[in-house]
Amino acid sequence: MRESQRLEAGGDNKQRSGVRVEKEVLNVLDEVLLLKGRGAGFARATPLLGALPELDSMAVLSLITTLEERFGFAIYDDEMDGSVFATLGSLTDFVAAKLGPAVT
């Protein structure tokens, strides 16, 4: 059974939660950076900061604000550094950690 079929068939809840978080992070990236669907082709290893011209300092602030609103948590200054925005995977992992152990 392929991975997508296993998830649809009710596979591991932890993995499904992680997939949902990544999908929602991609939605936020697409919305904030106005990627017009380009984010759909991103993988966990896709570089973000320094690789996407749309992700400048102002976009990082908008992205942080939107993540806080969308997921219902607060992001504090001491939690942020460039490594959080290095790749889609690092950003997804950060969001999943903020949401707690149920989705990591």
PDB file of N, CA and C in Angstrom:
ATOM      1  N   MET A   1       0.851  -1.180   0.000  1.00  0.00           N
ATOM      2  CA  MET A   1       0.000   0.000   0.000  1.00  0.00           C
ATOM      3  C   MET A   1       0.889   1.233   0.000  1.00  0.00           C
ATOM      4  N   ARG A   2       0.608   2.164  -0.901  1.00  0.00           N
ATOM      5  CA  ARG A   2       1.375   3.403  -0.955  1.00  0.00           C
ATOM      6  C   ARG A   2       1.113   4.237   0.285  1.00  0.00           C
ATOM      7  N   GLU A   3       2.067   5.136   0.604  1.00  0.00           N
ATOM      8  CA  GLU A   3       1.965   5.972   1.799  1.00  0.00           C
ATOM      9  C   GLU A   3       0.679   6.789   1.808  1.00  0.00           C
ATOM     10  N   SER A   4       0.340   7.398   0.662  1.00  0.00           N
ATOM     11  CA  SER A   4      -0.869   8.221   0.625  1.00  0.00           C
ATOM     12  C   SER A   4      -2.112   7.378   0.864  1.00  0.00           C
ATOM     13  N   GLN A   5      -2.132   6.138   0.354  1.00  0.00           N
ATOM     14  CA  GLN A   5      -3.269   5.249   0.583  1.00  0.00           C
ATOM     15  C   GLN A   5      -3.358   4.860   2.058  1.00  0.00           C
ATOM     16  N   ARG A   6      -2.197   4.600   2.692  1.00  0.00           N
ATOM     17  CA  ARG A   6      -2.186   4.218   4.094  1.00  0.00           C
ATOM     18  C   ARG A   6      -2.724   5.357   4.949  1.00  0.00           C
ATOM     19  N   LEU A   7      -2.331   6.589   4.617  1.00  0.00           N
ATOM     20  CA  LEU A   7      -2.819   7.735   5.387  1.00  0.00           C
ATOM     21  C   LEU A   7      -4.311   7.914   5.201  1.00  0.00           C
ATOM     22  N   GLU A   8      -4.776   7.763   3.967  1.00  0.00           N
ATOM     23  CA  GLU A   8      -6.204   7.904   3.715  1.00  0.00           C
ATOM     24  C   GLU A   8      -6.997   6.792   4.377  1.00  0.00           C
ATOM     25  N   ALA A   9      -6.389   5.613   4.508  1.00  0.00           N
ATOM     26  CA  ALA A   9      -7.070   4.470   5.103  1.00  0.00           C
ATOM     27  C   ALA A   9      -7.055   4.534   6.624  1.00  0.00           C
ATOM     28  N   GLY A  10      -6.513   5.593   7.196  1.00  0.00           N
ATOM     29  CA  GLY A  10      -6.526   5.749   8.651  1.00  0.00           C
ATOM     30  C   GLY A  10      -5.244   5.282   9.289  1.00  0.00           C
ATOM     31  N   GLY A  11      -4.116   5.492   8.606  1.00  0.00           N
ATOM     32  CA  GLY A  11      -2.816   5.094   9.126  1.00  0.00           C
ATOM     33  C   GLY A  11      -2.454   5.846  10.393  1.00  0.00           C
ATOM     34  N   ASP A  12      -1.216   5.910  10.684  1.00  0.00           N
ATOM     35  CA  ASP A  12      -0.667   6.495  11.899  1.00  0.00           C
ATOM     36  C   ASP A  12      -1.144   7.937  12.106  1.00  0.00           C
ATOM     37  N   ASN A  13      -1.822   8.191  13.237  1.00  0.00           N
ATOM     38  CA  ASN A  13      -2.359   9.533  13.526  1.00  0.00           C
ATOM     39  C   ASN A  13      -1.272  10.581  13.612  1.00  0.00           C
ATOM     40  N   LYS A  14      -0.147  10.218  14.208  1.00  0.00           N
ATOM     41  CA  LYS A  14       0.950  11.160  14.359  1.00  0.00           C
ATOM     42  C   LYS A  14       1.447  11.613  12.985  1.00  0.00           C
ATOM     43  N   GLN A  15       1.602  10.680  12.067  1.00  0.00           N
ATOM     44  CA  GLN A  15       2.074  11.023  10.736  1.00  0.00           C
ATOM     45  C   GLN A  15       1.021  11.837   9.986  1.00  0.00           C
ATOM     46  N   ARG A  16      -0.242  11.464  10.115  1.00  0.00           N
ATOM     47  CA  ARG A  16      -1.292  12.231   9.447  1.00  0.00           C
ATOM     48  C   ARG A  16      -1.331  13.651   9.977  1.00  0.00           C
ATOM     49  N   SER A  17      -1.158  13.827  11.277  1.00  0.00           N
ATOM     50  CA  SER A  17      -1.136  15.173  11.857  1.00  0.00           C
ATOM     51  C   SER A  17       0.016  15.977  11.291  1.00  0.00           C
ATOM     52  N   GLY A  18       1.184  15.341  11.156  1.00  0.00           N
ATOM     53  CA  GLY A  18       2.345  16.007  10.580  1.00  0.00           C
ATOM     54  C   GLY A  18       2.116  16.418   9.143  1.00  0.00           C
ATOM     55  N   VAL A  19       1.434  15.552   8.387  1.00  0.00           N
ATOM     56  CA  VAL A  19       1.111  15.873   7.001  1.00  0.00           C
ATOM     57  C   VAL A  19       0.162  17.063   6.952  1.00  0.00           C
ATOM     58  N   ARG A  20      -0.817  17.089   7.851  1.00  0.00           N
ATOM     59  CA  ARG A  20      -1.755  18.226   7.887  1.00  0.00           C
ATOM     60  C   ARG A  20      -1.035  19.518   8.253  1.00  0.00           C
ATOM     61  N   VAL A  21      -0.104  19.457   9.202  1.00  0.00           N
ATOM     62  CA  VAL A  21       0.651  20.659   9.579  1.00  0.00           C
ATOM     63  C   VAL A  21       1.456  21.151   8.388  1.00  0.00           C
ATOM     64  N   GLU A  22       2.140  20.246   7.710  1.00  0.00           N
ATOM     65  CA  GLU A  22       2.940  20.659   6.556  1.00  0.00           C
ATOM     66  C   GLU A  22       2.050  21.272   5.472  1.00  0.00           C
ATOM     67  N   LYS A  23       0.910  20.671   5.225  1.00  0.00           N
ATOM     68  CA  LYS A  23      -0.006  21.207   4.219  1.00  0.00           C
ATOM     69  C   LYS A  23      -0.478  22.610   4.598  1.00  0.00           C
ATOM     70  N   GLU A  24      -0.793  22.815   5.872  1.00  0.00           N
ATOM     71  CA  GLU A  24      -1.245  24.135   6.310  1.00  0.00           C
ATOM     72  C   GLU A  24      -0.102  25.151   6.269  1.00  0.00           C
ATOM     73  N   VAL A  25       1.130  24.728   6.612  1.00  0.00           N
ATOM     74  CA  VAL A  25       2.292  25.621   6.501  1.00  0.00           C
ATOM     75  C   VAL A  25       2.469  26.021   5.036  1.00  0.00           C
ATOM     76  N   LEU A  26       2.324  25.071   4.122  1.00  0.00           N
ATOM     77  CA  LEU A  26       2.411  25.392   2.693  1.00  0.00           C
ATOM     78  C   LEU A  26       1.328  26.385   2.281  1.00  0.00           C
ATOM     79  N   ASN A  27       0.121  26.200   2.811  1.00  0.00           N
ATOM     80  CA  ASN A  27      -0.968  27.144   2.518  1.00  0.00           C
ATOM     81  C   ASN A  27      -0.612  28.548   2.998  1.00  0.00           C
ATOM     82  N   VAL A  28      -0.042  28.640   4.194  1.00  0.00           N
ATOM     83  CA  VAL A  28       0.355  29.947   4.735  1.00  0.00           C
ATOM     84  C   VAL A  28       1.451  30.571   3.870  1.00  0.00           C
ATOM     85  N   LEU A  29       2.449  29.775   3.502  1.00  0.00           N
ATOM     86  CA  LEU A  29       3.519  30.290   2.645  1.00  0.00           C
ATOM     87  C   LEU A  29       2.955  30.812   1.327  1.00  0.00           C
ATOM     88  N   ASP A  30       2.080  30.033   0.727  1.00  0.00           N
ATOM     89  CA  ASP A  30       1.488  30.417  -0.554  1.00  0.00           C
ATOM     90  C   ASP A  30       0.695  31.711  -0.422  1.00  0.00           C
ATOM     91  N   GLU A  31      -0.066  31.810   0.669  1.00  0.00           N
ATOM     92  CA  GLU A  31      -0.902  32.992   0.911  1.00  0.00           C
ATOM     93  C   GLU A  31      -0.068  34.241   1.192  1.00  0.00           C
ATOM     94  N   VAL A  32       0.880  34.130   2.107  1.00  0.00           N
ATOM     95  CA  VAL A  32       1.656  35.298   2.536  1.00  0.00           C
ATOM     96  C   VAL A  32       2.636  35.750   1.457  1.00  0.00           C
ATOM     97  N   LEU A  33       3.275  34.785   0.795  1.00  0.00           N
ATOM     98  CA  LEU A  33       4.291  35.129  -0.198  1.00  0.00           C
ATOM     99  C   LEU A  33       3.721  35.287  -1.603  1.00  0.00           C
ATOM    100  N   LEU A  34       2.402  35.081  -1.739  1.00  0.00           N
ATOM    101  CA  LEU A  34       1.739  35.192  -3.040  1.00  0.00           C
ATOM    102  C   LEU A  34       2.418  34.301  -4.081  1.00  0.00           C
ATOM    103  N   LEU A  35       2.602  33.043  -3.729  1.00  0.00           N
ATOM    104  CA  LEU A  35       3.306  32.092  -4.606  1.00  0.00           C
ATOM    105  C   LEU A  35       2.422  31.544  -5.720  1.00  0.00           C
ATOM    106  N   LYS A  36       1.133  31.800  -5.670  1.00  0.00           N
ATOM    107  CA  LYS A  36       0.188  31.377  -6.708  1.00  0.00           C
ATOM    108  C   LYS A  36       0.269  29.872  -6.974  1.00  0.00           C
ATOM    109  N   GLY A  37       0.351  29.098  -5.897  1.00  0.00           N
ATOM    110  CA  GLY A  37       0.347  27.649  -6.021  1.00  0.00           C
ATOM    111  C   GLY A  37       1.712  27.005  -6.191  1.00  0.00           C
ATOM    112  N   ARG A  38       2.778  27.785  -6.327  1.00  0.00           N
ATOM    113  CA  ARG A  38       4.124  27.209  -6.501  1.00  0.00           C
ATOM    114  C   ARG A  38       4.525  26.351  -5.315  1.00  0.00           C
ATOM    115  N   GLY A  39       4.001  26.668  -4.133  1.00  0.00           N
ATOM    116  CA  GLY A  39       4.356  25.915  -2.936  1.00  0.00           C
ATOM    117  C   GLY A  39       3.939  24.452  -2.999  1.00  0.00           C
ATOM    118  N   ALA A  40       2.991  24.129  -3.847  1.00  0.00           N
ATOM    119  CA  ALA A  40       2.529  22.744  -3.962  1.00  0.00           C
ATOM    120  C   ALA A  40       3.652  21.815  -4.398  1.00  0.00           C
ATOM    121  N   GLY A  41       4.649  22.340  -5.066  1.00  0.00           N
ATOM    122  CA  GLY A  41       5.783  21.534  -5.506  1.00  0.00           C
ATOM    123  C   GLY A  41       6.922  21.469  -4.506  1.00  0.00           C
ATOM    124  N   PHE A  42       6.758  22.098  -3.346  1.00  0.00           N
ATOM    125  CA  PHE A  42       7.825  22.113  -2.344  1.00  0.00           C
ATOM    126  C   PHE A  42       7.879  20.788  -1.595  1.00  0.00           C
ATOM    127  N   ALA A  43       9.091  20.361  -1.268  1.00  0.00           N
ATOM    128  CA  ALA A  43       9.331  19.188  -0.428  1.00  0.00           C
ATOM    129  C   ALA A  43       9.946  19.673   0.879  1.00  0.00           C
ATOM    130  N   ARG A  44      10.077  18.779   1.853  1.00  0.00           N
ATOM    131  CA  ARG A  44      10.659  19.161   3.145  1.00  0.00           C
ATOM    132  C   ARG A  44      12.031  19.805   2.986  1.00  0.00           C
ATOM    133  N   ALA A  45      12.799  19.382   2.022  1.00  0.00           N
ATOM    134  CA  ALA A  45      14.163  19.896   1.837  1.00  0.00           C
ATOM    135  C   ALA A  45      14.220  21.178   1.013  1.00  0.00           C
ATOM    136  N   THR A  46      13.073  21.667   0.550  1.00  0.00           N
ATOM    137  CA  THR A  46      13.066  22.884  -0.268  1.00  0.00           C
ATOM    138  C   THR A  46      13.553  24.066   0.558  1.00  0.00           C
ATOM    139  N   PRO A  47      14.624  24.737   0.090  1.00  0.00           N
ATOM    140  CA  PRO A  47      15.122  25.902   0.825  1.00  0.00           C
ATOM    141  C   PRO A  47      14.151  27.071   0.718  1.00  0.00           C
ATOM    142  N   LEU A  48      14.036  27.822   1.798  1.00  0.00           N
ATOM    143  CA  LEU A  48      13.143  28.979   1.831  1.00  0.00           C
ATOM    144  C   LEU A  48      13.942  30.270   1.939  1.00  0.00           C
ATOM    145  N   LEU A  49      14.454  30.556   3.136  1.00  0.00           N
ATOM    146  CA  LEU A  49      15.153  31.817   3.381  1.00  0.00           C
ATOM    147  C   LEU A  49      16.422  31.874   2.525  1.00  0.00           C
ATOM    148  N   GLY A  50      16.531  32.913   1.721  1.00  0.00           N
ATOM    149  CA  GLY A  50      17.675  33.079   0.845  1.00  0.00           C
ATOM    150  C   GLY A  50      17.466  32.448  -0.525  1.00  0.00           C
ATOM    151  N   ALA A  51      16.444  31.599  -0.655  1.00  0.00           N
ATOM    152  CA  ALA A  51      16.180  30.944  -1.931  1.00  0.00           C
ATOM    153  C   ALA A  51      14.916  31.488  -2.606  1.00  0.00           C
ATOM    154  N   LEU A  52      13.985  31.969  -1.813  1.00  0.00           N
ATOM    155  CA  LEU A  52      12.755  32.544  -2.356  1.00  0.00           C
ATOM    156  C   LEU A  52      12.845  34.060  -2.287  1.00  0.00           C
ATOM    157  N   PRO A  53      12.877  34.719  -3.433  1.00  0.00           N
ATOM    158  CA  PRO A  53      12.973  36.183  -3.395  1.00  0.00           C
ATOM    159  C   PRO A  53      11.805  36.835  -2.667  1.00  0.00           C
ATOM    160  N   GLU A  54      10.668  36.156  -2.645  1.00  0.00           N
ATOM    161  CA  GLU A  54       9.492  36.702  -1.958  1.00  0.00           C
ATOM    162  C   GLU A  54       9.667  36.722  -0.441  1.00  0.00           C
ATOM    163  N   LEU A  55      10.577  35.904   0.090  1.00  0.00           N
ATOM    164  CA  LEU A  55      10.751  35.792   1.548  1.00  0.00           C
ATOM    165  C   LEU A  55      11.819  36.772   2.031  1.00  0.00           C
ATOM    166  N   ASP A  56      11.429  38.046   2.054  1.00  0.00           N
ATOM    167  CA  ASP A  56      12.313  39.087   2.571  1.00  0.00           C
ATOM    168  C   ASP A  56      11.958  39.352   4.036  1.00  0.00           C
ATOM    169  N   SER A  57      12.606  40.333   4.648  1.00  0.00           N
ATOM    170  CA  SER A  57      12.405  40.578   6.081  1.00  0.00           C
ATOM    171  C   SER A  57      10.960  40.948   6.416  1.00  0.00           C
ATOM    172  N   MET A  58      10.316  41.711   5.566  1.00  0.00           N
ATOM    173  CA  MET A  58       8.915  42.069   5.819  1.00  0.00           C
ATOM    174  C   MET A  58       8.014  40.845   5.680  1.00  0.00           C
ATOM    175  N   ALA A  59       8.319  39.978   4.720  1.00  0.00           N
ATOM    176  CA  ALA A  59       7.524  38.769   4.533  1.00  0.00           C
ATOM    177  C   ALA A  59       7.700  37.822   5.713  1.00  0.00           C
ATOM    178  N   VAL A  60       8.894  37.784   6.302  1.00  0.00           N
ATOM    179  CA  VAL A  60       9.116  36.940   7.483  1.00  0.00           C
ATOM    180  C   VAL A  60       8.198  37.396   8.614  1.00  0.00           C
ATOM    181  N   LEU A  61       8.093  38.706   8.816  1.00  0.00           N
ATOM    182  CA  LEU A  61       7.207  39.227   9.865  1.00  0.00           C
ATOM    183  C   LEU A  61       5.751  38.869   9.582  1.00  0.00           C
ATOM    184  N   SER A  62       5.330  39.010   8.341  1.00  0.00           N
ATOM    185  CA  SER A  62       3.958  38.635   7.965  1.00  0.00           C
ATOM    186  C   SER A  62       3.730  37.145   8.140  1.00  0.00           C
ATOM    187  N   LEU A  63       4.726  36.365   7.802  1.00  0.00           N
ATOM    188  CA  LEU A  63       4.629  34.914   7.945  1.00  0.00           C
ATOM    189  C   LEU A  63       4.487  34.522   9.410  1.00  0.00           C
ATOM    190  N   ILE A  64       5.282  35.132  10.277  1.00  0.00           N
ATOM    191  CA  ILE A  64       5.199  34.859  11.718  1.00  0.00           C
ATOM    192  C   ILE A  64       3.806  35.201  12.240  1.00  0.00           C
ATOM    193  N   THR A  65       3.314  36.374  11.888  1.00  0.00           N
ATOM    194  CA  THR A  65       1.989  36.809  12.337  1.00  0.00           C
ATOM    195  C   THR A  65       0.901  35.860  11.843  1.00  0.00           C
ATOM    196  N   THR A  66       0.982  35.465  10.601  1.00  0.00           N
ATOM    197  CA  THR A  66      -0.033  34.573  10.037  1.00  0.00           C
ATOM    198  C   THR A  66       0.036  33.193  10.676  1.00  0.00           C
ATOM    199  N   LEU A  67       1.232  32.681  10.922  1.00  0.00           N
ATOM    200  CA  LEU A  67       1.366  31.386  11.606  1.00  0.00           C
ATOM    201  C   LEU A  67       0.751  31.450  13.005  1.00  0.00           C
ATOM    202  N   GLU A  68       1.014  32.542  13.725  1.00  0.00           N
ATOM    203  CA  GLU A  68       0.428  32.708  15.062  1.00  0.00           C
ATOM    204  C   GLU A  68      -1.094  32.692  14.996  1.00  0.00           C
ATOM    205  N   GLU A  69      -1.642  33.430  14.061  1.00  0.00           N
ATOM    206  CA  GLU A  69      -3.100  33.507  13.932  1.00  0.00           C
ATOM    207  C   GLU A  69      -3.700  32.179  13.479  1.00  0.00           C
ATOM    208  N   ARG A  70      -3.093  31.553  12.499  1.00  0.00           N
ATOM    209  CA  ARG A  70      -3.642  30.335  11.917  1.00  0.00           C
ATOM    210  C   ARG A  70      -3.599  29.163  12.888  1.00  0.00           C
ATOM    211  N   PHE A  71      -2.489  29.055  13.636  1.00  0.00           N
ATOM    212  CA  PHE A  71      -2.310  27.903  14.517  1.00  0.00           C
ATOM    213  C   PHE A  71      -2.646  28.196  15.973  1.00  0.00           C
ATOM    214  N   GLY A  72      -2.840  29.474  16.320  1.00  0.00           N
ATOM    215  CA  GLY A  72      -3.252  29.815  17.674  1.00  0.00           C
ATOM    216  C   GLY A  72      -2.169  29.715  18.729  1.00  0.00           C
ATOM    217  N   PHE A  73      -0.953  30.051  18.378  1.00  0.00           N
ATOM    218  CA  PHE A  73       0.127  30.094  19.364  1.00  0.00           C
ATOM    219  C   PHE A  73       0.891  31.397  19.215  1.00  0.00           C
ATOM    220  N   ALA A  74       1.741  31.682  20.186  1.00  0.00           N
ATOM    221  CA  ALA A  74       2.585  32.878  20.147  1.00  0.00           C
ATOM    222  C   ALA A  74       4.014  32.454  19.833  1.00  0.00           C
ATOM    223  N   ILE A  75       4.677  33.259  19.018  1.00  0.00           N
ATOM    224  CA  ILE A  75       6.085  33.040  18.704  1.00  0.00           C
ATOM    225  C   ILE A  75       6.864  34.179  19.350  1.00  0.00           C
ATOM    226  N   TYR A  76       7.819  33.812  20.179  1.00  0.00           N
ATOM    227  CA  TYR A  76       8.609  34.793  20.908  1.00  0.00           C
ATOM    228  C   TYR A  76       9.943  35.025  20.213  1.00  0.00           C
ATOM    229  N   ASP A  77      10.487  36.232  20.386  1.00  0.00           N
ATOM    230  CA  ASP A  77      11.736  36.615  19.722  1.00  0.00           C
ATOM    231  C   ASP A  77      12.863  35.615  19.959  1.00  0.00           C
ATOM    232  N   ASP A  78      12.969  35.108  21.184  1.00  0.00           N
ATOM    233  CA  ASP A  78      14.079  34.212  21.486  1.00  0.00           C
ATOM    234  C   ASP A  78      13.914  32.821  20.868  1.00  0.00           C
ATOM    235  N   GLU A  79      12.768  32.548  20.257  1.00  0.00           N
ATOM    236  CA  GLU A  79      12.543  31.273  19.571  1.00  0.00           C
ATOM    237  C   GLU A  79      12.947  31.341  18.099  1.00  0.00           C
ATOM    238  N   MET A  80      13.138  32.532  17.599  1.00  0.00           N
ATOM    239  CA  MET A  80      13.342  32.731  16.166  1.00  0.00           C
ATOM    240  C   MET A  80      14.793  32.947  15.817  1.00  0.00           C
ATOM    241  N   ASP A  81      15.222  32.268  14.772  1.00  0.00           N
ATOM    242  CA  ASP A  81      16.473  32.569  14.098  1.00  0.00           C
ATOM    243  C   ASP A  81      16.342  32.081  12.666  1.00  0.00           C
ATOM    244  N   GLY A  82      17.330  32.326  11.868  1.00  0.00           N
ATOM    245  CA  GLY A  82      17.264  31.975  10.454  1.00  0.00           C
ATOM    246  C   GLY A  82      17.062  30.499  10.190  1.00  0.00           C
ATOM    247  N   SER A  83      17.489  29.649  11.115  1.00  0.00           N
ATOM    248  CA  SER A  83      17.376  28.209  10.884  1.00  0.00           C
ATOM    249  C   SER A  83      15.921  27.747  10.818  1.00  0.00           C
ATOM    250  N   VAL A  84      15.017  28.464  11.479  1.00  0.00           N
ATOM    251  CA  VAL A  84      13.595  28.110  11.449  1.00  0.00           C
ATOM    252  C   VAL A  84      13.073  28.201  10.017  1.00  0.00           C
ATOM    253  N   PHE A  85      13.553  29.181   9.265  1.00  0.00           N
ATOM    254  CA  PHE A  85      13.081  29.418   7.907  1.00  0.00           C
ATOM    255  C   PHE A  85      14.016  28.849   6.846  1.00  0.00           C
ATOM    256  N   ALA A  86      14.930  27.976   7.236  1.00  0.00           N
ATOM    257  CA  ALA A  86      15.900  27.425   6.285  1.00  0.00           C
ATOM    258  C   ALA A  86      15.224  26.587   5.203  1.00  0.00           C
ATOM    259  N   THR A  87      14.327  25.696   5.590  1.00  0.00           N
ATOM    260  CA  THR A  87      13.637  24.816   4.641  1.00  0.00           C
ATOM    261  C   THR A  87      12.173  24.678   5.041  1.00  0.00           C
ATOM    262  N   LEU A  88      11.402  24.111   4.150  1.00  0.00           N
ATOM    263  CA  LEU A  88      10.015  23.811   4.492  1.00  0.00           C
ATOM    264  C   LEU A  88       9.972  22.869   5.684  1.00  0.00           C
ATOM    265  N   GLY A  89      10.875  21.907   5.720  1.00  0.00           N
ATOM    266  CA  GLY A  89      10.909  20.954   6.832  1.00  0.00           C
ATOM    267  C   GLY A  89      11.214  21.608   8.163  1.00  0.00           C
ATOM    268  N   SER A  90      12.175  22.522   8.192  1.00  0.00           N
ATOM    269  CA  SER A  90      12.519  23.177   9.458  1.00  0.00           C
ATOM    270  C   SER A  90      11.373  24.062   9.940  1.00  0.00           C
ATOM    271  N   LEU A  91      10.684  24.717   9.015  1.00  0.00           N
ATOM    272  CA  LEU A  91       9.539  25.551   9.401  1.00  0.00           C
ATOM    273  C   LEU A  91       8.383  24.677   9.890  1.00  0.00           C
ATOM    274  N   THR A  92       8.119  23.587   9.195  1.00  0.00           N
ATOM    275  CA  THR A  92       7.064  22.667   9.608  1.00  0.00           C
ATOM    276  C   THR A  92       7.372  22.070  10.973  1.00  0.00           C
ATOM    277  N   ASP A  93       8.617  21.673  11.192  1.00  0.00           N
ATOM    278  CA  ASP A  93       9.015  21.108  12.485  1.00  0.00           C
ATOM    279  C   ASP A  93       8.845  22.125  13.607  1.00  0.00           C
ATOM    280  N   PHE A  94       9.173  23.387  13.347  1.00  0.00           N
ATOM    281  CA  PHE A  94       8.998  24.430  14.338  1.00  0.00           C
ATOM    282  C   PHE A  94       7.518  24.578  14.711  1.00  0.00           C
ATOM    283  N   VAL A  95       6.657  24.639  13.687  1.00  0.00           N
ATOM    284  CA  VAL A  95       5.218  24.773  13.933  1.00  0.00           C
ATOM    285  C   VAL A  95       4.704  23.560  14.690  1.00  0.00           C
ATOM    286  N   ALA A  96       5.093  22.358  14.287  1.00  0.00           N
ATOM    287  CA  ALA A  96       4.654  21.139  14.949  1.00  0.00           C
ATOM    288  C   ALA A  96       5.093  21.135  16.418  1.00  0.00           C
ATOM    289  N   ALA A  97       6.306  21.582  16.693  1.00  0.00           N
ATOM    290  CA  ALA A  97       6.791  21.646  18.083  1.00  0.00           C
ATOM    291  C   ALA A  97       5.981  22.645  18.896  1.00  0.00           C
ATOM    292  N   LYS A  98       5.606  23.764  18.289  1.00  0.00           N
ATOM    293  CA  LYS A  98       4.779  24.753  18.999  1.00  0.00           C
ATOM    294  C   LYS A  98       3.387  24.186  19.303  1.00  0.00           C
ATOM    295  N   LEU A  99       2.894  23.315  18.429  1.00  0.00           N
ATOM    296  CA  LEU A  99       1.576  22.731  18.637  1.00  0.00           C
ATOM    297  C   LEU A  99       1.573  21.646  19.687  1.00  0.00           C
ATOM    298  N   GLY A 100       2.738  21.090  19.977  1.00  0.00           N
ATOM    299  CA  GLY A 100       2.830  20.087  21.036  1.00  0.00           C
ATOM    300  C   GLY A 100       3.084  18.694  20.524  1.00  0.00           C
ATOM    301  N   PRO A 101       3.257  17.757  21.445  1.00  0.00           N
ATOM    302  CA  PRO A 101       3.675  16.400  21.109  1.00  0.00           C
ATOM    303  C   PRO A 101       2.650  15.610  20.296  1.00  0.00           C
ATOM    304  N   ALA A 102       1.424  16.023  20.254  1.00  0.00           N
ATOM    305  CA  ALA A 102       0.410  15.264  19.520  1.00  0.00           C
ATOM    306  C   ALA A 102       0.652  15.266  18.007  1.00  0.00           C
ATOM    307  N   VAL A 103       1.388  16.270  17.506  1.00  0.00           N
ATOM    308  CA  VAL A 103       1.598  16.343  16.073  1.00  0.00           C
ATOM    309  C   VAL A 103       3.051  16.251  15.664  1.00  0.00           C
ATOM    310  N   THR A 104       3.954  16.089  16.587  1.00  0.00           N
ATOM    311  CA  THR A 104       5.363  16.007  16.224  1.00  0.00           C
ATOM    312  C   THR A 104       5.774  14.593  15.958  1.00  0.00           C
TER     313      THR A 104
END
